[in-house]
């Protein structure tokens, strides 16, 4: 079973992403902030992390850096409303696989799962 970790401070955003995921045998866990993400990832490494950038406390950039330090093989796709080219360049530099804009489209999420979590 593939495992996903959805990280977003907005419960509504997490719910939307969950609803847009294609059907399949997924073990889906959710984190409301960066610290919770790191704790959950350490407990059970997810096959794919869907990570928001704009969160209080530890933002997505810092969370991504810590995830990659913890596990250089961590697969992280950033899902954010911050689609500035500087943000995209920074997340790619930090090791994200790709950045997709919010709100995500079901087709894009399906492609992401097929590509990184077959």
PDB file of N, CA and C in Angstrom:
ATOM      1  N   UNK A   1       0.853  -1.183   0.000  1.00  0.00           N
ATOM      2  CA  UNK A   1       0.000   0.000   0.000  1.00  0.00           C
ATOM      3  C   UNK A   1       0.893   1.239   0.000  1.00  0.00           C
ATOM      4  N   UNK A   2       0.557   2.193  -0.841  1.00  0.00           N
ATOM      5  CA  UNK A   2       1.322   3.432  -0.922  1.00  0.00           C
ATOM      6  C   UNK A   2       0.913   4.361   0.216  1.00  0.00           C
ATOM      7  N   UNK A   3       1.902   5.058   0.753  1.00  0.00           N
ATOM      8  CA  UNK A   3       1.601   5.972   1.856  1.00  0.00           C
ATOM      9  C   UNK A   3       1.845   7.415   1.439  1.00  0.00           C
ATOM     10  N   UNK A   4       0.897   8.260   1.815  1.00  0.00           N
ATOM     11  CA  UNK A   4       0.971   9.682   1.505  1.00  0.00           C
ATOM     12  C   UNK A   4       0.893  10.474   2.796  1.00  0.00           C
ATOM     13  N   UNK A   5       1.610  11.589   2.825  1.00  0.00           N
ATOM     14  CA  UNK A   5       1.536  12.512   3.944  1.00  0.00           C
ATOM     15  C   UNK A   5       1.164  13.871   3.376  1.00  0.00           C
ATOM     16  N   UNK A   6      -0.015  14.361   3.746  1.00  0.00           N
ATOM     17  CA  UNK A   6      -0.499  15.663   3.287  1.00  0.00           C
ATOM     18  C   UNK A   6      -0.215  16.663   4.396  1.00  0.00           C
ATOM     19  N   UNK A   7       0.554  17.706   4.066  1.00  0.00           N
ATOM     20  CA  UNK A   7       0.966  18.697   5.060  1.00  0.00           C
ATOM     21  C   UNK A   7       0.453  20.075   4.651  1.00  0.00           C
ATOM     22  N   UNK A   8      -0.477  20.600   5.448  1.00  0.00           N
ATOM     23  CA  UNK A   8      -1.051  21.924   5.181  1.00  0.00           C
ATOM     24  C   UNK A   8      -1.679  22.411   6.477  1.00  0.00           C
ATOM     25  N   UNK A   9      -1.518  23.689   6.771  1.00  0.00           N
ATOM     26  CA  UNK A   9      -2.103  24.206   8.012  1.00  0.00           C
ATOM     27  C   UNK A   9      -3.614  24.360   7.899  1.00  0.00           C
ATOM     28  N   UNK A  10      -4.151  24.302   6.687  1.00  0.00           N
ATOM     29  CA  UNK A  10      -5.590  24.441   6.481  1.00  0.00           C
ATOM     30  C   UNK A  10      -6.265  23.070   6.389  1.00  0.00           C
ATOM     31  N   UNK A  11      -7.134  22.757   7.361  1.00  0.00           N
ATOM     32  CA  UNK A  11      -7.863  21.482   7.271  1.00  0.00           C
ATOM     33  C   UNK A  11      -8.689  21.388   5.992  1.00  0.00           C
ATOM     34  N   UNK A  12      -9.185  22.514   5.522  1.00  0.00           N
ATOM     35  CA  UNK A  12      -9.984  22.527   4.285  1.00  0.00           C
ATOM     36  C   UNK A  12      -9.114  22.140   3.096  1.00  0.00           C
ATOM     37  N   UNK A  13      -7.905  22.690   3.033  1.00  0.00           N
ATOM     38  CA  UNK A  13      -6.990  22.333   1.934  1.00  0.00           C
ATOM     39  C   UNK A  13      -6.639  20.856   1.972  1.00  0.00           C
ATOM     40  N   UNK A  14      -6.398  20.322   3.164  1.00  0.00           N
ATOM     41  CA  UNK A  14      -6.083  18.895   3.285  1.00  0.00           C
ATOM     42  C   UNK A  14      -7.266  18.053   2.810  1.00  0.00           C
ATOM     43  N   UNK A  15      -8.469  18.469   3.173  1.00  0.00           N
ATOM     44  CA  UNK A  15      -9.679  17.740   2.774  1.00  0.00           C
ATOM     45  C   UNK A  15      -9.849  17.785   1.251  1.00  0.00           C
ATOM     46  N   UNK A  16      -9.611  18.944   0.646  1.00  0.00           N
ATOM     47  CA  UNK A  16      -9.732  19.079  -0.811  1.00  0.00           C
ATOM     48  C   UNK A  16      -8.747  18.155  -1.512  1.00  0.00           C
ATOM     49  N   UNK A  17      -7.488  18.157  -1.056  1.00  0.00           N
ATOM     50  CA  UNK A  17      -6.484  17.292  -1.675  1.00  0.00           C
ATOM     51  C   UNK A  17      -6.904  15.829  -1.548  1.00  0.00           C
ATOM     52  N   UNK A  18      -7.369  15.451  -0.375  1.00  0.00           N
ATOM     53  CA  UNK A  18      -7.821  14.072  -0.133  1.00  0.00           C
ATOM     54  C   UNK A  18      -8.927  13.680  -1.121  1.00  0.00           C
ATOM     55  N   UNK A  19      -9.892  14.592  -1.309  1.00  0.00           N
ATOM     56  CA  UNK A  19     -11.029  14.308  -2.197  1.00  0.00           C
ATOM     57  C   UNK A  19     -10.593  14.208  -3.662  1.00  0.00           C
ATOM     58  N   UNK A  20      -9.538  14.950  -4.024  1.00  0.00           N
ATOM     59  CA  UNK A  20      -9.086  14.966  -5.415  1.00  0.00           C
ATOM     60  C   UNK A  20      -8.161  13.803  -5.767  1.00  0.00           C
ATOM     61  N   UNK A  21      -7.680  13.088  -4.765  1.00  0.00           N
ATOM     62  CA  UNK A  21      -6.791  11.958  -5.033  1.00  0.00           C
ATOM     63  C   UNK A  21      -7.552  10.864  -5.768  1.00  0.00           C
ATOM     64  N   UNK A  22      -6.879  10.199  -6.688  1.00  0.00           N
ATOM     65  CA  UNK A  22      -7.551   9.108  -7.389  1.00  0.00           C
ATOM     66  C   UNK A  22      -7.812   7.956  -6.428  1.00  0.00           C
ATOM     67  N   UNK A  23      -8.787   7.117  -6.747  1.00  0.00           N
ATOM     68  CA  UNK A  23      -9.048   5.969  -5.879  1.00  0.00           C
ATOM     69  C   UNK A  23      -7.840   5.034  -5.897  1.00  0.00           C
ATOM     70  N   UNK A  24      -7.614   4.415  -4.801  1.00  0.00           N
ATOM     71  CA  UNK A  24      -6.481   3.496  -4.737  1.00  0.00           C
ATOM     72  C   UNK A  24      -6.199   3.129  -3.303  1.00  0.00           C
ATOM     73  N   UNK A  25      -5.367   2.133  -3.138  1.00  0.00           N
ATOM     74  CA  UNK A  25      -5.021   1.719  -1.781  1.00  0.00           C
ATOM     75  C   UNK A  25      -3.946   2.638  -1.199  1.00  0.00           C
ATOM     76  N   UNK A  26      -4.375   3.693  -0.568  1.00  0.00           N
ATOM     77  CA  UNK A  26      -3.452   4.653   0.030  1.00  0.00           C
ATOM     78  C   UNK A  26      -3.605   4.656   1.542  1.00  0.00           C
ATOM     79  N   UNK A  27      -2.480   4.750   2.210  1.00  0.00           N
ATOM     80  CA  UNK A  27      -2.462   5.034   3.638  1.00  0.00           C
ATOM     81  C   UNK A  27      -2.173   6.535   3.713  1.00  0.00           C
ATOM     82  N   UNK A  28      -3.184   7.318   4.042  1.00  0.00           N
ATOM     83  CA  UNK A  28      -3.037   8.778   4.033  1.00  0.00           C
ATOM     84  C   UNK A  28      -2.974   9.302   5.456  1.00  0.00           C
ATOM     85  N   UNK A  29      -1.908  10.055   5.723  1.00  0.00           N
ATOM     86  CA  UNK A  29      -1.766  10.716   7.016  1.00  0.00           C
ATOM     87  C   UNK A  29      -1.726  12.213   6.751  1.00  0.00           C
ATOM     88  N   UNK A  30      -2.094  12.988   7.756  1.00  0.00           N
ATOM     89  CA  UNK A  30      -2.145  14.438   7.611  1.00  0.00           C
ATOM     90  C   UNK A  30      -1.385  15.113   8.734  1.00  0.00           C
ATOM     91  N   UNK A  31      -0.748  16.227   8.377  1.00  0.00           N
ATOM     92  CA  UNK A  31      -0.059  17.057   9.361  1.00  0.00           C
ATOM     93  C   UNK A  31      -0.487  18.499   9.139  1.00  0.00           C
ATOM     94  N   UNK A  32      -0.689  19.220  10.247  1.00  0.00           N
ATOM     95  CA  UNK A  32      -1.138  20.606  10.170  1.00  0.00           C
ATOM     96  C   UNK A  32      -0.018  21.624  10.222  1.00  0.00           C
ATOM     97  N   UNK A  33       1.238  21.140  10.393  1.00  0.00           N
ATOM     98  CA  UNK A  33       2.371  22.069  10.414  1.00  0.00           C
ATOM     99  C   UNK A  33       3.662  21.295  10.169  1.00  0.00           C
ATOM    100  N   UNK A  34       4.750  22.028  10.044  1.00  0.00           N
ATOM    101  CA  UNK A  34       6.032  21.420   9.729  1.00  0.00           C
ATOM    102  C   UNK A  34       6.541  20.468  10.798  1.00  0.00           C
ATOM    103  N   UNK A  35       6.406  20.853  12.062  1.00  0.00           N
ATOM    104  CA  UNK A  35       6.889  19.993  13.145  1.00  0.00           C
ATOM    105  C   UNK A  35       6.136  18.675  13.185  1.00  0.00           C
ATOM    106  N   UNK A  36       4.819  18.753  13.005  1.00  0.00           N
ATOM    107  CA  UNK A  36       4.000  17.539  12.990  1.00  0.00           C
ATOM    108  C   UNK A  36       4.384  16.657  11.797  1.00  0.00           C
ATOM    109  N   UNK A  37       4.674  17.284  10.667  1.00  0.00           N
ATOM    110  CA  UNK A  37       5.111  16.555   9.477  1.00  0.00           C
ATOM    111  C   UNK A  37       6.376  15.764   9.768  1.00  0.00           C
ATOM    112  N   UNK A  38       7.362  16.426  10.359  1.00  0.00           N
ATOM    113  CA  UNK A  38       8.635  15.759  10.649  1.00  0.00           C
ATOM    114  C   UNK A  38       8.445  14.591  11.609  1.00  0.00           C
ATOM    115  N   UNK A  39       7.591  14.790  12.603  1.00  0.00           N
ATOM    116  CA  UNK A  39       7.322  13.730  13.589  1.00  0.00           C
ATOM    117  C   UNK A  39       6.661  12.522  12.910  1.00  0.00           C
ATOM    118  N   UNK A  40       5.626  12.786  12.099  1.00  0.00           N
ATOM    119  CA  UNK A  40       4.931  11.693  11.418  1.00  0.00           C
ATOM    120  C   UNK A  40       5.842  10.981  10.422  1.00  0.00           C
ATOM    121  N   UNK A  41       6.667  11.758   9.725  1.00  0.00           N
ATOM    122  CA  UNK A  41       7.573  11.159   8.738  1.00  0.00           C
ATOM    123  C   UNK A  41       8.612  10.281   9.433  1.00  0.00           C
ATOM    124  N   UNK A  42       9.076  10.719  10.572  1.00  0.00           N
ATOM    125  CA  UNK A  42      10.058   9.942  11.316  1.00  0.00           C
ATOM    126  C   UNK A  42       9.448   8.629  11.819  1.00  0.00           C
ATOM    127  N   UNK A  43       8.175   8.674  12.212  1.00  0.00           N
ATOM    128  CA  UNK A  43       7.479   7.476  12.693  1.00  0.00           C
ATOM    129  C   UNK A  43       7.248   6.468  11.569  1.00  0.00           C
ATOM    130  N   UNK A  44       6.844   6.961  10.420  1.00  0.00           N
ATOM    131  CA  UNK A  44       6.549   6.092   9.276  1.00  0.00           C
ATOM    132  C   UNK A  44       6.786   6.879   8.001  1.00  0.00           C
ATOM    133  N   UNK A  45       7.902   6.612   7.374  1.00  0.00           N
ATOM    134  CA  UNK A  45       8.281   7.368   6.174  1.00  0.00           C
ATOM    135  C   UNK A  45       7.263   7.159   5.063  1.00  0.00           C
ATOM    136  N   UNK A  46       6.699   8.263   4.613  1.00  0.00           N
ATOM    137  CA  UNK A  46       5.694   8.213   3.551  1.00  0.00           C
ATOM    138  C   UNK A  46       6.378   8.031   2.202  1.00  0.00           C
ATOM    139  N   UNK A  47       5.683   7.378   1.283  1.00  0.00           N
ATOM    140  CA  UNK A  47       6.200   7.244  -0.078  1.00  0.00           C
ATOM    141  C   UNK A  47       6.226   8.594  -0.784  1.00  0.00           C
ATOM    142  N   UNK A  48       5.275   9.466  -0.424  1.00  0.00           N
ATOM    143  CA  UNK A  48       5.195  10.784  -1.038  1.00  0.00           C
ATOM    144  C   UNK A  48       4.631  11.782  -0.036  1.00  0.00           C
ATOM    145  N   UNK A  49       5.255  12.957   0.016  1.00  0.00           N
ATOM    146  CA  UNK A  49       4.785  14.039   0.878  1.00  0.00           C
ATOM    147  C   UNK A  49       4.256  15.152  -0.014  1.00  0.00           C
ATOM    148  N   UNK A  50       3.025  15.589   0.242  1.00  0.00           N
ATOM    149  CA  UNK A  50       2.431  16.739  -0.442  1.00  0.00           C
ATOM    150  C   UNK A  50       2.496  17.886   0.558  1.00  0.00           C
ATOM    151  N   UNK A  51       3.321  18.886   0.269  1.00  0.00           N
ATOM    152  CA  UNK A  51       3.706  19.892   1.256  1.00  0.00           C
ATOM    153  C   UNK A  51       3.320  21.307   0.841  1.00  0.00           C
ATOM    154  N   UNK A  52       2.613  21.993   1.722  1.00  0.00           N
ATOM    155  CA  UNK A  52       2.297  23.416   1.531  1.00  0.00           C
ATOM    156  C   UNK A  52       3.520  24.232   1.940  1.00  0.00           C
ATOM    157  N   UNK A  53       3.646  25.438   1.394  1.00  0.00           N
ATOM    158  CA  UNK A  53       4.764  26.304   1.764  1.00  0.00           C
ATOM    159  C   UNK A  53       4.416  27.280   2.876  1.00  0.00           C
ATOM    160  N   UNK A  54       3.232  27.867   2.804  1.00  0.00           N
ATOM    161  CA  UNK A  54       2.874  28.926   3.733  1.00  0.00           C
ATOM    162  C   UNK A  54       2.159  28.349   4.949  1.00  0.00           C
ATOM    163  N   UNK A  55       2.933  28.186   6.021  1.00  0.00           N
ATOM    164  CA  UNK A  55       2.395  27.662   7.270  1.00  0.00           C
ATOM    165  C   UNK A  55       3.021  28.444   8.412  1.00  0.00           C
ATOM    166  N   UNK A  56       2.289  28.618   9.506  1.00  0.00           N
ATOM    167  CA  UNK A  56       2.875  29.315  10.657  1.00  0.00           C
ATOM    168  C   UNK A  56       3.952  28.452  11.320  1.00  0.00           C
ATOM    169  N   UNK A  57       4.860  29.113  12.017  1.00  0.00           N
ATOM    170  CA  UNK A  57       5.945  28.384  12.668  1.00  0.00           C
ATOM    171  C   UNK A  57       6.963  27.966  11.630  1.00  0.00           C
ATOM    172  N   UNK A  58       7.111  26.681  11.426  1.00  0.00           N
ATOM    173  CA  UNK A  58       8.042  26.156  10.432  1.00  0.00           C
ATOM    174  C   UNK A  58       7.349  26.118   9.072  1.00  0.00           C
ATOM    175  N   UNK A  59       7.808  26.965   8.151  1.00  0.00           N
ATOM    176  CA  UNK A  59       7.166  27.001   6.833  1.00  0.00           C
ATOM    177  C   UNK A  59       7.597  25.797   5.992  1.00  0.00           C
ATOM    178  N   UNK A  60       7.039  25.718   4.801  1.00  0.00           N
ATOM    179  CA  UNK A  60       7.323  24.586   3.931  1.00  0.00           C
ATOM    180  C   UNK A  60       8.766  24.500   3.477  1.00  0.00           C
ATOM    181  N   UNK A  61       9.420  25.651   3.288  1.00  0.00           N
ATOM    182  CA  UNK A  61      10.830  25.645   2.885  1.00  0.00           C
ATOM    183  C   UNK A  61      11.681  24.965   3.963  1.00  0.00           C
ATOM    184  N   UNK A  62      11.479  25.375   5.207  1.00  0.00           N
ATOM    185  CA  UNK A  62      12.242  24.825   6.320  1.00  0.00           C
ATOM    186  C   UNK A  62      11.892  23.346   6.529  1.00  0.00           C
ATOM    187  N   UNK A  63      10.611  23.032   6.414  1.00  0.00           N
ATOM    188  CA  UNK A  63      10.172  21.638   6.561  1.00  0.00           C
ATOM    189  C   UNK A  63      10.821  20.765   5.493  1.00  0.00           C
ATOM    190  N   UNK A  64      10.838  21.232   4.265  1.00  0.00           N
ATOM    191  CA  UNK A  64      11.452  20.489   3.162  1.00  0.00           C
ATOM    192  C   UNK A  64      12.939  20.262   3.430  1.00  0.00           C
ATOM    193  N   UNK A  65      13.626  21.302   3.885  1.00  0.00           N
ATOM    194  CA  UNK A  65      15.056  21.171   4.178  1.00  0.00           C
ATOM    195  C   UNK A  65      15.290  20.114   5.259  1.00  0.00           C
ATOM    196  N   UNK A  66      14.480  20.128   6.311  1.00  0.00           N
ATOM    197  CA  UNK A  66      14.616  19.138   7.386  1.00  0.00           C
ATOM    198  C   UNK A  66      14.279  17.724   6.903  1.00  0.00           C
ATOM    199  N   UNK A  67      13.226  17.606   6.081  1.00  0.00           N
ATOM    200  CA  UNK A  67      12.859  16.289   5.543  1.00  0.00           C
ATOM    201  C   UNK A  67      14.004  15.689   4.737  1.00  0.00           C
ATOM    202  N   UNK A  68      14.603  16.507   3.872  1.00  0.00           N
ATOM    203  CA  UNK A  68      15.683  16.016   3.018  1.00  0.00           C
ATOM    204  C   UNK A  68      16.939  15.705   3.828  1.00  0.00           C
ATOM    205  N   UNK A  69      17.118  16.421   4.930  1.00  0.00           N
ATOM    206  CA  UNK A  69      18.247  16.137   5.819  1.00  0.00           C
ATOM    207  C   UNK A  69      18.004  14.800   6.539  1.00  0.00           C
ATOM    208  N   UNK A  70      16.771  14.598   6.968  1.00  0.00           N
ATOM    209  CA  UNK A  70      16.379  13.377   7.660  1.00  0.00           C
ATOM    210  C   UNK A  70      16.457  12.171   6.713  1.00  0.00           C
ATOM    211  N   UNK A  71      15.987  12.382   5.475  1.00  0.00           N
ATOM    212  CA  UNK A  71      15.947  11.315   4.479  1.00  0.00           C
ATOM    213  C   UNK A  71      16.196  11.920   3.099  1.00  0.00           C
ATOM    214  N   UNK A  72      17.432  11.848   2.619  1.00  0.00           N
ATOM    215  CA  UNK A  72      17.749  12.426   1.299  1.00  0.00           C
ATOM    216  C   UNK A  72      16.905  11.851   0.165  1.00  0.00           C
ATOM    217  N   UNK A  73      16.313  10.662   0.391  1.00  0.00           N
ATOM    218  CA  UNK A  73      15.476  10.030  -0.637  1.00  0.00           C
ATOM    219  C   UNK A  73      14.000  10.415  -0.510  1.00  0.00           C
ATOM    220  N   UNK A  74      13.658  11.267   0.442  1.00  0.00           N
ATOM    221  CA  UNK A  74      12.258  11.679   0.622  1.00  0.00           C
ATOM    222  C   UNK A  74      11.725  12.283  -0.668  1.00  0.00           C
ATOM    223  N   UNK A  75      10.527  11.838  -1.044  1.00  0.00           N
ATOM    224  CA  UNK A  75       9.872  12.361  -2.244  1.00  0.00           C
ATOM    225  C   UNK A  75       8.844  13.394  -1.811  1.00  0.00           C
ATOM    226  N   UNK A  76       9.092  14.646  -2.195  1.00  0.00           N
ATOM    227  CA  UNK A  76       8.240  15.752  -1.764  1.00  0.00           C
ATOM    228  C   UNK A  76       7.760  16.534  -2.982  1.00  0.00           C
ATOM    229  N   UNK A  77       6.454  16.712  -3.065  1.00  0.00           N
ATOM    230  CA  UNK A  77       5.847  17.576  -4.074  1.00  0.00           C
ATOM    231  C   UNK A  77       5.214  18.733  -3.318  1.00  0.00           C
ATOM    232  N   UNK A  78       5.574  19.941  -3.703  1.00  0.00           N
ATOM    233  CA  UNK A  78       5.047  21.128  -3.047  1.00  0.00           C
ATOM    234  C   UNK A  78       3.729  21.512  -3.712  1.00  0.00           C
ATOM    235  N   UNK A  79       2.701  21.710  -2.883  1.00  0.00           N
ATOM    236  CA  UNK A  79       1.378  22.125  -3.351  1.00  0.00           C
ATOM    237  C   UNK A  79       1.109  23.464  -2.678  1.00  0.00           C
ATOM    238  N   UNK A  80       1.148  24.549  -3.479  1.00  0.00           N
ATOM    239  CA  UNK A  80       1.080  25.870  -2.870  1.00  0.00           C
ATOM    240  C   UNK A  80       0.420  26.901  -3.776  1.00  0.00           C
ATOM    241  N   UNK A  81      -0.094  27.948  -3.148  1.00  0.00           N
ATOM    242  CA  UNK A  81      -0.618  29.085  -3.900  1.00  0.00           C
ATOM    243  C   UNK A  81       0.516  30.036  -4.269  1.00  0.00           C
ATOM    244  N   UNK A  82       1.684  29.860  -3.651  1.00  0.00           N
ATOM    245  CA  UNK A  82       2.853  30.698  -3.914  1.00  0.00           C
ATOM    246  C   UNK A  82       3.580  30.140  -5.132  1.00  0.00           C
ATOM    247  N   UNK A  83       3.219  30.653  -6.315  1.00  0.00           N
ATOM    248  CA  UNK A  83       3.795  30.113  -7.545  1.00  0.00           C
ATOM    249  C   UNK A  83       4.836  31.053  -8.152  1.00  0.00           C
ATOM    250  N   UNK A  84       5.409  31.924  -7.323  1.00  0.00           N
ATOM    251  CA  UNK A  84       6.457  32.814  -7.813  1.00  0.00           C
ATOM    252  C   UNK A  84       7.639  31.980  -8.291  1.00  0.00           C
ATOM    253  N   UNK A  85       8.308  32.461  -9.323  1.00  0.00           N
ATOM    254  CA  UNK A  85       9.441  31.697  -9.856  1.00  0.00           C
ATOM    255  C   UNK A  85      10.549  31.553  -8.817  1.00  0.00           C
ATOM    256  N   UNK A  86      10.710  32.548  -7.944  1.00  0.00           N
ATOM    257  CA  UNK A  86      11.747  32.453  -6.905  1.00  0.00           C
ATOM    258  C   UNK A  86      11.419  31.331  -5.915  1.00  0.00           C
ATOM    259  N   UNK A  87      10.145  31.173  -5.575  1.00  0.00           N
ATOM    260  CA  UNK A  87       9.740  30.093  -4.671  1.00  0.00           C
ATOM    261  C   UNK A  87       9.934  28.742  -5.339  1.00  0.00           C
ATOM    262  N   UNK A  88       9.580  28.665  -6.613  1.00  0.00           N
ATOM    263  CA  UNK A  88       9.734  27.409  -7.343  1.00  0.00           C
ATOM    264  C   UNK A  88      11.211  27.032  -7.423  1.00  0.00           C
ATOM    265  N   UNK A  89      12.063  27.995  -7.714  1.00  0.00           N
ATOM    266  CA  UNK A  89      13.501  27.720  -7.795  1.00  0.00           C
ATOM    267  C   UNK A  89      14.029  27.251  -6.442  1.00  0.00           C
ATOM    268  N   UNK A  90      13.567  27.885  -5.362  1.00  0.00           N
ATOM    269  CA  UNK A  90      14.054  27.533  -4.031  1.00  0.00           C
ATOM    270  C   UNK A  90      13.642  26.116  -3.630  1.00  0.00           C
ATOM    271  N   UNK A  91      12.383  25.732  -3.896  1.00  0.00           N
ATOM    272  CA  UNK A  91      11.956  24.387  -3.508  1.00  0.00           C
ATOM    273  C   UNK A  91      12.665  23.318  -4.344  1.00  0.00           C
ATOM    274  N   UNK A  92      12.937  23.624  -5.593  1.00  0.00           N
ATOM    275  CA  UNK A  92      13.653  22.663  -6.428  1.00  0.00           C
ATOM    276  C   UNK A  92      15.094  22.522  -5.927  1.00  0.00           C
ATOM    277  N   UNK A  93      15.680  23.634  -5.541  1.00  0.00           N
ATOM    278  CA  UNK A  93      17.043  23.626  -4.996  1.00  0.00           C
ATOM    279  C   UNK A  93      17.097  22.815  -3.694  1.00  0.00           C
ATOM    280  N   UNK A  94      16.026  22.896  -2.908  1.00  0.00           N
ATOM    281  CA  UNK A  94      15.964  22.160  -1.642  1.00  0.00           C
ATOM    282  C   UNK A  94      15.652  20.675  -1.835  1.00  0.00           C
ATOM    283  N   UNK A  95      15.278  20.289  -3.056  1.00  0.00           N
ATOM    284  CA  UNK A  95      15.075  18.871  -3.331  1.00  0.00           C
ATOM    285  C   UNK A  95      13.662  18.422  -3.623  1.00  0.00           C
ATOM    286  N   UNK A  96      12.726  19.368  -3.801  1.00  0.00           N
ATOM    287  CA  UNK A  96      11.360  18.973  -4.164  1.00  0.00           C
ATOM    288  C   UNK A  96      11.363  18.369  -5.571  1.00  0.00           C
ATOM    289  N   UNK A  97      10.448  17.452  -5.807  1.00  0.00           N
ATOM    290  CA  UNK A  97      10.324  16.839  -7.125  1.00  0.00           C
ATOM    291  C   UNK A  97       9.648  17.781  -8.111  1.00  0.00           C
ATOM    292  N   UNK A  98       8.646  18.498  -7.623  1.00  0.00           N
ATOM    293  CA  UNK A  98       7.963  19.484  -8.446  1.00  0.00           C
ATOM    294  C   UNK A  98       7.069  20.345  -7.570  1.00  0.00           C
ATOM    295  N   UNK A  99       6.576  21.417  -8.155  1.00  0.00           N
ATOM    296  CA  UNK A  99       5.656  22.325  -7.472  1.00  0.00           C
ATOM    297  C   UNK A  99       4.378  22.355  -8.290  1.00  0.00           C
ATOM    298  N   UNK A 100       3.245  22.167  -7.617  1.00  0.00           N
ATOM    299  CA  UNK A 100       1.964  22.296  -8.304  1.00  0.00           C
ATOM    300  C   UNK A 100       1.152  23.381  -7.607  1.00  0.00           C
ATOM    301  N   UNK A 101       0.454  24.188  -8.400  1.00  0.00           N
ATOM    302  CA  UNK A 101      -0.307  25.293  -7.814  1.00  0.00           C
ATOM    303  C   UNK A 101      -1.594  24.833  -7.141  1.00  0.00           C
ATOM    304  N   UNK A 102      -1.976  25.606  -6.126  1.00  0.00           N
ATOM    305  CA  UNK A 102      -3.265  25.417  -5.446  1.00  0.00           C
ATOM    306  C   UNK A 102      -4.299  26.251  -6.167  1.00  0.00           C
ATOM    307  N   UNK A 103      -5.515  25.838  -6.209  1.00  0.00           N
ATOM    308  CA  UNK A 103      -5.961  24.503  -5.820  1.00  0.00           C
ATOM    309  C   UNK A 103      -5.504  23.488  -6.860  1.00  0.00           C
ATOM    310  N   UNK A 104      -5.085  22.318  -6.405  1.00  0.00           N
ATOM    311  CA  UNK A 104      -4.613  21.321  -7.366  1.00  0.00           C
ATOM    312  C   UNK A 104      -5.775  20.754  -8.174  1.00  0.00           C
ATOM    313  N   UNK A 105      -5.450  20.289  -9.352  1.00  0.00           N
ATOM    314  CA  UNK A 105      -6.446  19.633 -10.196  1.00  0.00           C
ATOM    315  C   UNK A 105      -6.308  18.121  -9.998  1.00  0.00           C
ATOM    316  N   UNK A 106      -7.430  17.419 -10.034  1.00  0.00           N
ATOM    317  CA  UNK A 106      -7.434  15.973  -9.839  1.00  0.00           C
ATOM    318  C   UNK A 106      -6.507  15.285 -10.842  1.00  0.00           C
ATOM    319  N   UNK A 107      -6.510  15.730 -12.080  1.00  0.00           N
ATOM    320  CA  UNK A 107      -5.676  15.123 -13.117  1.00  0.00           C
ATOM    321  C   UNK A 107      -4.189  15.288 -12.799  1.00  0.00           C
ATOM    322  N   UNK A 108      -3.812  16.453 -12.287  1.00  0.00           N
ATOM    323  CA  UNK A 108      -2.414  16.708 -11.930  1.00  0.00           C
ATOM    324  C   UNK A 108      -2.000  15.809 -10.764  1.00  0.00           C
ATOM    325  N   UNK A 109      -2.860  15.684  -9.760  1.00  0.00           N
ATOM    326  CA  UNK A 109      -2.548  14.797  -8.637  1.00  0.00           C
ATOM    327  C   UNK A 109      -2.427  13.346  -9.095  1.00  0.00           C
ATOM    328  N   UNK A 110      -3.285  12.928 -10.003  1.00  0.00           N
ATOM    329  CA  UNK A 110      -3.200  11.569 -10.545  1.00  0.00           C
ATOM    330  C   UNK A 110      -1.850  11.355 -11.232  1.00  0.00           C
ATOM    331  N   UNK A 111      -1.427  12.324 -12.039  1.00  0.00           N
ATOM    332  CA  UNK A 111      -0.145  12.224 -12.742  1.00  0.00           C
ATOM    333  C   UNK A 111       1.026  12.184 -11.760  1.00  0.00           C
ATOM    334  N   UNK A 112       0.942  13.004 -10.708  1.00  0.00           N
ATOM    335  CA  UNK A 112       1.994  13.028  -9.692  1.00  0.00           C
ATOM    336  C   UNK A 112       2.102  11.659  -9.023  1.00  0.00           C
ATOM    337  N   UNK A 113       0.965  11.072  -8.647  1.00  0.00           N
ATOM    338  CA  UNK A 113       0.988   9.768  -7.993  1.00  0.00           C
ATOM    339  C   UNK A 113       1.501   8.681  -8.931  1.00  0.00           C
ATOM    340  N   UNK A 114       1.112   8.729 -10.189  1.00  0.00           N
ATOM    341  CA  UNK A 114       1.587   7.740 -11.144  1.00  0.00           C
ATOM    342  C   UNK A 114       3.097   7.853 -11.351  1.00  0.00           C
ATOM    343  N   UNK A 115       3.582   9.068 -11.336  1.00  0.00           N
ATOM    344  CA  UNK A 115       5.005   9.307 -11.592  1.00  0.00           C
ATOM    345  C   UNK A 115       5.891   8.970 -10.389  1.00  0.00           C
ATOM    346  N   UNK A 116       5.477   9.402  -9.193  1.00  0.00           N
ATOM    347  CA  UNK A 116       6.363   9.288  -8.040  1.00  0.00           C
ATOM    348  C   UNK A 116       5.971   8.201  -7.043  1.00  0.00           C
ATOM    349  N   UNK A 117       4.785   7.657  -7.208  1.00  0.00           N
ATOM    350  CA  UNK A 117       4.294   6.700  -6.212  1.00  0.00           C
ATOM    351  C   UNK A 117       3.530   5.571  -6.920  1.00  0.00           C
ATOM    352  N   UNK A 118       4.205   4.913  -7.901  1.00  0.00           N
ATOM    353  CA  UNK A 118       3.499   3.910  -8.707  1.00  0.00           C
ATOM    354  C   UNK A 118       3.111   2.656  -7.916  1.00  0.00           C
TER     355      UNK A 118
END
